C-alpha atoms as a PDB file:
ATOM      1  CA  MET A   1       4.921  11.527 -21.909  1.00  0.00           C
ATOM      2  CA  GLN A   2       4.193   7.803 -21.877  1.00  0.00           C
ATOM      3  CA  ARG A   3       3.644   6.597 -18.296  1.00  0.00           C
ATOM      4  CA  ILE A   4       3.593   2.850 -17.630  1.00  0.00           C
ATOM      5  CA  VAL A   5       3.131   0.981 -14.363  1.00  0.00           C
ATOM      6  CA  TRP A   6       4.554  -2.526 -14.511  1.00  0.00           C
ATOM      7  CA  GLY A   7       2.833  -4.812 -12.010  1.00  0.00           C
ATOM      8  CA  ARG A   8      -0.256  -6.879 -11.288  1.00  0.00           C
ATOM      9  CA  PRO A   9      -3.161  -5.025  -9.658  1.00  0.00           C
ATOM     10  CA  THR A  10      -3.453  -7.485  -6.741  1.00  0.00           C
ATOM     11  CA  SER A  11      -0.013  -6.501  -5.400  1.00  0.00           C
ATOM     12  CA  SER A  12      -0.321  -4.167  -2.407  1.00  0.00           C
ATOM     13  CA  ASN A  13       2.732  -2.223  -3.563  1.00  0.00           C
ATOM     14  CA  VAL A  14       1.272  -1.773  -7.042  1.00  0.00           C
ATOM     15  CA  MET A  15      -2.004  -0.647  -5.454  1.00  0.00           C
ATOM     16  CA  LYS A  16      -0.144   2.192  -3.740  1.00  0.00           C
ATOM     17  CA  VAL A  17       1.000   3.610  -7.057  1.00  0.00           C
ATOM     18  CA  LEU A  18      -2.328   3.095  -8.833  1.00  0.00           C
ATOM     19  CA  TRP A  19      -4.140   4.801  -5.962  1.00  0.00           C
ATOM     20  CA  LEU A  20      -1.905   7.870  -6.045  1.00  0.00           C
ATOM     21  CA  LEU A  21      -2.114   8.134  -9.830  1.00  0.00           C
ATOM     22  CA  GLY A  22      -5.878   8.097  -9.416  1.00  0.00           C
ATOM     23  CA  GLU A  23      -5.772  10.783  -6.734  1.00  0.00           C
ATOM     24  CA  LEU A  24      -3.683  12.985  -9.026  1.00  0.00           C
ATOM     25  CA  GLY A  25      -5.727  12.229 -12.124  1.00  0.00           C
ATOM     26  CA  LEU A  26      -2.625  11.225 -14.088  1.00  0.00           C
ATOM     27  CA  PRO A  27      -3.030   9.056 -17.199  1.00  0.00           C
ATOM     28  CA  PHE A  28      -1.092   5.796 -17.345  1.00  0.00           C
ATOM     29  CA  GLU A  29      -0.942   2.357 -18.880  1.00  0.00           C
ATOM     30  CA  ARG A  30      -0.507  -0.730 -16.719  1.00  0.00           C
ATOM     31  CA  ILE A  31       1.192  -3.948 -17.808  1.00  0.00           C
ATOM     32  CA  ASP A  32       0.644  -7.210 -15.911  1.00  0.00           C
ATOM     33  CA  VAL A  33       3.877  -8.668 -14.537  1.00  0.00           C
ATOM     34  CA  GLY A  34       4.663 -10.534 -11.334  1.00  0.00           C
ATOM     35  CA  GLY A  35       2.840 -13.321  -9.561  1.00  0.00           C
ATOM     36  CA  SER A  36       1.078 -15.674 -11.937  1.00  0.00           C
ATOM     37  CA  PHE A  37       1.950 -13.378 -14.850  1.00  0.00           C
ATOM     38  CA  GLY A  38       5.693 -13.899 -14.379  1.00  0.00           C
ATOM     39  CA  LYS A  39       8.008 -11.871 -16.645  1.00  0.00           C
ATOM     40  CA  THR A  40       9.905 -10.235 -13.778  1.00  0.00           C
ATOM     41  CA  ASP A  41      12.919 -12.511 -14.302  1.00  0.00           C
ATOM     42  CA  THR A  42      13.398 -11.570 -17.928  1.00  0.00           C
ATOM     43  CA  PRO A  43      16.530  -9.616 -18.897  1.00  0.00           C
ATOM     44  CA  GLU A  44      14.334  -6.787 -20.168  1.00  0.00           C
ATOM     45  CA  TYR A  45      12.516  -6.375 -16.867  1.00  0.00           C
ATOM     46  CA  ARG A  46      15.652  -6.825 -14.751  1.00  0.00           C
ATOM     47  CA  LYS A  47      17.275  -4.039 -16.749  1.00  0.00           C
ATOM     48  CA  MET A  48      14.502  -1.727 -15.520  1.00  0.00           C
ATOM     49  CA  ASN A  49      14.279  -3.193 -12.033  1.00  0.00           C
ATOM     50  CA  PRO A  50      17.166  -5.369 -10.793  1.00  0.00           C
ATOM     51  CA  THR A  51      15.147  -6.529  -7.760  1.00  0.00           C
ATOM     52  CA  GLY A  52      12.693  -8.417  -9.964  1.00  0.00           C
ATOM     53  CA  LEU A  53       9.821  -7.055  -7.879  1.00  0.00           C
ATOM     54  CA  VAL A  54       6.814  -4.877  -8.675  1.00  0.00           C
ATOM     55  CA  PRO A  55       5.935  -2.128  -9.255  1.00  0.00           C
ATOM     56  CA  THR A  56       8.190  -0.364 -11.706  1.00  0.00           C
ATOM     57  CA  LEU A  57       7.240   3.060 -13.004  1.00  0.00           C
ATOM     58  CA  GLN A  58       8.377   3.979 -16.489  1.00  0.00           C
ATOM     59  CA  GLU A  59       8.095   7.500 -17.866  1.00  0.00           C
ATOM     60  CA  ASP A  60       9.647   7.615 -21.328  1.00  0.00           C
ATOM     61  CA  ASP A  61      13.339   6.839 -20.684  1.00  0.00           C
ATOM     62  CA  PHE A  62      13.114   7.216 -16.882  1.00  0.00           C
ATOM     63  CA  THR A  63      12.368   4.196 -14.684  1.00  0.00           C
ATOM     64  CA  LEU A  64      11.892   3.972 -10.931  1.00  0.00           C
ATOM     65  CA  TRP A  65      11.240   1.086  -8.567  1.00  0.00           C
ATOM     66  CA  GLU A  66      10.365   0.773  -4.849  1.00  0.00           C
ATOM     67  CA  SER A  67       6.753   1.724  -4.210  1.00  0.00           C
ATOM     68  CA  ASN A  68       7.297   4.411  -1.563  1.00  0.00           C
ATOM     69  CA  ALA A  69      10.020   6.026  -3.677  1.00  0.00           C
ATOM     70  CA  ILE A  70       7.559   6.105  -6.576  1.00  0.00           C
ATOM     71  CA  LEU A  71       4.935   7.767  -4.357  1.00  0.00           C
ATOM     72  CA  ARG A  72       7.395  10.481  -3.347  1.00  0.00           C
ATOM     73  CA  TYR A  73       8.531  11.010  -6.915  1.00  0.00           C
ATOM     74  CA  LEU A  74       4.986  11.382  -8.214  1.00  0.00           C
ATOM     75  CA  ALA A  75       4.121  13.765  -5.387  1.00  0.00           C
ATOM     76  CA  GLN A  76       7.214  15.896  -5.917  1.00  0.00           C
ATOM     77  CA  SER A  77       6.908  16.036  -9.699  1.00  0.00           C
ATOM     78  CA  ASN A  78       3.237  17.030  -9.779  1.00  0.00           C
ATOM     79  CA  SER A  79       2.172  20.361  -8.327  1.00  0.00           C
ATOM     80  CA  SER A  80      -1.349  19.071  -7.661  1.00  0.00           C
ATOM     81  CA  ALA A  81       0.108  16.837  -4.929  1.00  0.00           C
ATOM     82  CA  ILE A  82       1.345  19.690  -2.726  1.00  0.00           C
ATOM     83  CA  LYS A  83      -1.211  18.926  -0.004  1.00  0.00           C
ATOM     84  CA  LEU A  84      -0.287  15.244  -0.044  1.00  0.00           C
ATOM     85  CA  TRP A  85       3.424  15.914   0.504  1.00  0.00           C
ATOM     86  CA  PRO A  86       3.910  19.534   1.678  1.00  0.00           C
ATOM     87  CA  THR A  87       7.218  21.344   1.212  1.00  0.00           C
ATOM     88  CA  ASP A  88       7.427  22.301   4.898  1.00  0.00           C
ATOM     89  CA  PHE A  89      10.346  20.304   6.306  1.00  0.00           C
ATOM     90  CA  HIS A  90       8.618  19.210   9.497  1.00  0.00           C
ATOM     91  CA  ALA A  91       5.368  18.247   7.781  1.00  0.00           C
ATOM     92  CA  ARG A  92       7.218  16.260   5.139  1.00  0.00           C
ATOM     93  CA  ALA A  93       9.431  14.499   7.697  1.00  0.00           C
ATOM     94  CA  ASN A  94       6.340  13.506   9.694  1.00  0.00           C
ATOM     95  CA  ILE A  95       4.743  12.007   6.578  1.00  0.00           C
ATOM     96  CA  ASP A  96       7.966  10.249   5.600  1.00  0.00           C
ATOM     97  CA  ARG A  97       8.421   8.527   8.936  1.00  0.00           C
ATOM     98  CA  TRP A  98       4.918   7.060   8.816  1.00  0.00           C
ATOM     99  CA  MET A  99       5.497   5.891   5.260  1.00  0.00           C
ATOM    100  CA  ASP A 100       8.725   4.186   6.271  1.00  0.00           C
ATOM    101  CA  ALA A 101       7.148   2.636   9.369  1.00  0.00           C
ATOM    102  CA  GLN A 102       4.799   0.735   7.091  1.00  0.00           C
ATOM    103  CA  GLN A 103       7.835  -0.958   5.613  1.00  0.00           C
ATOM    104  CA  THR A 104       9.888  -1.478   8.775  1.00  0.00           C
ATOM    105  CA  VAL A 105       7.271  -2.166  11.471  1.00  0.00           C
ATOM    106  CA  PHE A 106       4.218  -3.449   9.655  1.00  0.00           C
ATOM    107  CA  ASN A 107       5.046  -5.050   6.326  1.00  0.00           C
ATOM    108  CA  ARG A 108       6.640  -8.284   7.548  1.00  0.00           C
ATOM    109  CA  PRO A 109       3.895  -9.437   9.956  1.00  0.00           C
ATOM    110  CA  MET A 110       1.049  -8.277   7.711  1.00  0.00           C
ATOM    111  CA  SER A 111       2.600 -10.156   4.781  1.00  0.00           C
ATOM    112  CA  GLN A 112       2.768 -13.272   6.941  1.00  0.00           C
ATOM    113  CA  VAL A 113      -0.916 -12.912   7.827  1.00  0.00           C
ATOM    114  CA  PHE A 114      -1.927 -12.363   4.216  1.00  0.00           C
ATOM    115  CA  TRP A 115       0.155 -15.169   2.763  1.00  0.00           C
ATOM    116  CA  GLY A 116      -0.712 -17.490   5.626  1.00  0.00           C
ATOM    117  CA  LEU A 117      -4.480 -17.036   5.257  1.00  0.00           C
ATOM    118  CA  VAL A 118      -5.097 -15.958   1.660  1.00  0.00           C
ATOM    119  CA  ARG A 119      -2.421 -17.560  -0.452  1.00  0.00           C
ATOM    120  CA  THR A 120      -1.876 -20.791   1.481  1.00  0.00           C
ATOM    121  CA  PRO A 121      -4.381 -23.664   1.122  1.00  0.00           C
ATOM    122  CA  ALA A 122      -6.347 -24.329   4.297  1.00  0.00           C
ATOM    123  CA  ASP A 123      -4.774 -27.758   4.852  1.00  0.00           C
ATOM    124  CA  LYS A 124      -1.260 -26.301   4.674  1.00  0.00           C
ATOM    125  CA  ARG A 125      -1.652 -23.257   6.899  1.00  0.00           C
ATOM    126  CA  ASP A 126       0.662 -22.861   9.863  1.00  0.00           C
ATOM    127  CA  LEU A 127      -1.927 -21.455  12.242  1.00  0.00           C
ATOM    128  CA  ILE A 128       0.575 -20.980  15.060  1.00  0.00           C
ATOM    129  CA  ALA A 129       2.761 -18.790  12.845  1.00  0.00           C
ATOM    130  CA  VAL A 130      -0.303 -16.958  11.549  1.00  0.00           C
ATOM    131  CA  ALA A 131      -1.506 -16.268  15.105  1.00  0.00           C
ATOM    132  CA  ALA A 132       1.879 -14.814  16.039  1.00  0.00           C
ATOM    133  CA  ALA A 133       1.853 -12.646  12.907  1.00  0.00           C
ATOM    134  CA  ILE A 134      -1.670 -11.429  13.691  1.00  0.00           C
ATOM    135  CA  GLU A 135      -0.478 -10.379  17.147  1.00  0.00           C
ATOM    136  CA  ASP A 136       2.444  -8.404  15.682  1.00  0.00           C
ATOM    137  CA  THR A 137       0.221  -6.865  13.014  1.00  0.00           C
ATOM    138  CA  THR A 138      -2.353  -5.873  15.618  1.00  0.00           C
ATOM    139  CA  ARG A 139       0.373  -4.138  17.606  1.00  0.00           C
ATOM    140  CA  ALA A 140       1.257  -2.035  14.560  1.00  0.00           C
ATOM    141  CA  TRP A 141      -2.385  -1.201  13.869  1.00  0.00           C
ATOM    142  CA  LYS A 142      -2.848  -0.151  17.502  1.00  0.00           C
ATOM    143  CA  MET A 143      -0.026   2.346  16.982  1.00  0.00           C
ATOM    144  CA  ILE A 144      -1.918   3.791  14.023  1.00  0.00           C
ATOM    145  CA  ASP A 145      -5.228   3.706  15.905  1.00  0.00           C
ATOM    146  CA  ALA A 146      -3.717   5.689  18.779  1.00  0.00           C
ATOM    147  CA  ASN A 147      -2.524   8.313  16.313  1.00  0.00           C
ATOM    148  CA  LEU A 148      -5.918   8.447  14.611  1.00  0.00           C
ATOM    149  CA  ARG A 149      -7.636   9.189  17.895  1.00  0.00           C
ATOM    150  CA  ARG A 150      -5.913  12.579  17.762  1.00  0.00           C
ATOM    151  CA  HIS A 151      -6.732  13.492  14.158  1.00  0.00           C
ATOM    152  CA  ARG A 152      -8.586  12.239  11.111  1.00  0.00           C
ATOM    153  CA  TYR A 153      -5.611  10.987   9.116  1.00  0.00           C
ATOM    154  CA  ILE A 154      -2.265   9.473  10.002  1.00  0.00           C
ATOM    155  CA  ALA A 155      -0.142  12.616   9.676  1.00  0.00           C
ATOM    156  CA  GLY A 156      -2.768  15.130  10.768  1.00  0.00           C
ATOM    157  CA  PRO A 157      -6.184  16.515   9.863  1.00  0.00           C
ATOM    158  CA  GLU A 158      -5.795  16.029   6.098  1.00  0.00           C
ATOM    159  CA  PHE A 159      -5.208  13.044   3.832  1.00  0.00           C
ATOM    160  CA  THR A 160      -1.507  12.813   2.894  1.00  0.00           C
ATOM    161  CA  LEU A 161       0.941  10.501   1.202  1.00  0.00           C
ATOM    162  CA  CYS A 162       1.464   8.340   4.299  1.00  0.00           C
ATOM    163  CA  ASP A 163      -2.174   7.238   4.364  1.00  0.00           C
ATOM    164  CA  ILE A 164      -1.564   5.349   1.121  1.00  0.00           C
ATOM    165  CA  PRO A 165       0.958   2.668   2.258  1.00  0.00           C
ATOM    166  CA  TRP A 166      -1.174   1.845   5.298  1.00  0.00           C
ATOM    167  CA  GLY A 167      -4.500   2.231   3.535  1.00  0.00           C
ATOM    168  CA  VAL A 168      -3.896  -0.495   0.957  1.00  0.00           C
ATOM    169  CA  HIS A 169      -3.484  -2.967   3.813  1.00  0.00           C
ATOM    170  CA  ALA A 170      -6.418  -1.661   5.824  1.00  0.00           C
ATOM    171  CA  HIS A 171      -8.826  -3.017   3.227  1.00  0.00           C
ATOM    172  CA  ARG A 172      -7.337  -6.480   3.582  1.00  0.00           C
ATOM    173  CA  TRP A 173      -7.285  -6.242   7.371  1.00  0.00           C
ATOM    174  CA  PHE A 174     -10.994  -5.405   7.559  1.00  0.00           C
ATOM    175  CA  ASN A 175     -12.093  -7.928   4.967  1.00  0.00           C
ATOM    176  CA  MET A 176     -10.433 -11.230   5.869  1.00  0.00           C
ATOM    177  CA  ASP A 177     -13.029 -12.340   8.427  1.00  0.00           C
ATOM    178  CA  TYR A 178     -14.158 -15.129   6.119  1.00  0.00           C
ATOM    179  CA  LEU A 179     -10.707 -16.686   6.547  1.00  0.00           C
ATOM    180  CA  GLY A 180     -10.936 -16.721  10.318  1.00  0.00           C
ATOM    181  CA  LEU A 181      -9.090 -13.482  11.048  1.00  0.00           C
ATOM    182  CA  THR A 182     -10.219 -11.983  14.344  1.00  0.00           C
ATOM    183  CA  ARG A 183      -9.373  -8.410  15.280  1.00  0.00           C
ATOM    184  CA  PRO A 184      -9.694  -6.314  18.414  1.00  0.00           C
ATOM    185  CA  GLU A 185     -11.981  -3.322  18.108  1.00  0.00           C
ATOM    186  CA  MET A 186     -10.122  -0.184  17.027  1.00  0.00           C
ATOM    187  CA  PRO A 187     -12.823   2.441  16.366  1.00  0.00           C
ATOM    188  CA  ALA A 188     -10.489   5.214  15.199  1.00  0.00           C
ATOM    189  CA  LEU A 189      -8.807   2.882  12.728  1.00  0.00           C
ATOM    190  CA  ARG A 190     -12.171   1.694  11.433  1.00  0.00           C
ATOM    191  CA  SER A 191     -13.446   5.253  10.990  1.00  0.00           C
ATOM    192  CA  TRP A 192     -10.304   6.154   9.052  1.00  0.00           C
ATOM    193  CA  TYR A 193     -10.774   3.136   6.789  1.00  0.00           C
ATOM    194  CA  ASP A 194     -14.409   4.142   6.218  1.00  0.00           C
ATOM    195  CA  ARG A 195     -13.244   7.632   5.210  1.00  0.00           C
ATOM    196  CA  LEU A 196     -10.789   6.133   2.743  1.00  0.00           C
ATOM    197  CA  CYS A 197     -13.606   4.103   1.204  1.00  0.00           C
ATOM    198  CA  HIS A 198     -15.304   7.353   0.204  1.00  0.00           C
ATOM    199  CA  ARG A 199     -12.328   8.286  -1.995  1.00  0.00           C
ATOM    200  CA  PRO A 200     -13.003   7.275  -5.625  1.00  0.00           C
ATOM    201  CA  ALA A 201      -9.324   6.553  -6.334  1.00  0.00           C
ATOM    202  CA  TYR A 202      -9.144   4.227  -3.316  1.00  0.00           C
ATOM    203  CA  ARG A 203     -12.262   2.387  -4.377  1.00  0.00           C
ATOM    204  CA  ARG A 204     -10.888   1.866  -7.883  1.00  0.00           C
ATOM    205  CA  ALA A 205      -7.342   0.829  -6.956  1.00  0.00           C
ATOM    206  CA  VAL A 206      -7.968  -1.080  -3.726  1.00  0.00           C
ATOM    207  CA  VAL A 207     -11.575  -1.874  -2.842  1.00  0.00           C
ATOM    208  CA  ALA A 208     -12.516  -3.064  -6.333  1.00  0.00           C
ATOM    209  CA  THR A 209      -9.555  -5.477  -6.471  1.00  0.00           C
ATOM    210  CA  PRO A 210     -10.239  -9.006  -5.192  1.00  0.00           C
ATOM    211  CA  ILE A 211      -8.371 -10.001  -2.028  1.00  0.00           C
ATOM    212  CA  ALA A 212      -6.321 -12.781  -3.592  1.00  0.00           C
END
């Protein structure tokens, strides 16, 4: 099987897929598209992914887009991922809801913080909008922190699939101080992030990638 991930490594959604592939030890090739690389508006790419976004996973003649859908597919199609996405209905539903909450509750404000501080020149930043986004993002992180006070990972005592969508953003959250980001202390969240940093696949896919 030829497995290709289409997407630039600095995309948080691409990081999700690269991280899981690393956790599972699956071989793959990655092709730079999106952002400064462009190529997502070409007819060839749009045929694979009509949204024009990244990532896209290609396995021979099969293609799949939407990062969380790709995570679930990889977990379901590889027996080594059984602990990351268990077959028990309740355990899987618990993991799924936290994965989806990253998209519905967290993604918009965190994207505003990231774009407002990292990808906008200092003289063009809307600091009022950024401050409001930081407040909303903090509220979402406090929800995760409260959950992590009860157990080591988001869905329970073990690392699972739902730690990945939140974990790619945790690295950015804890490493944007140089841009003026201030955060309230959330010890459980910080400890969880520190545990993630001990995972080789996380270090390769997330920590080693410049915040840009």
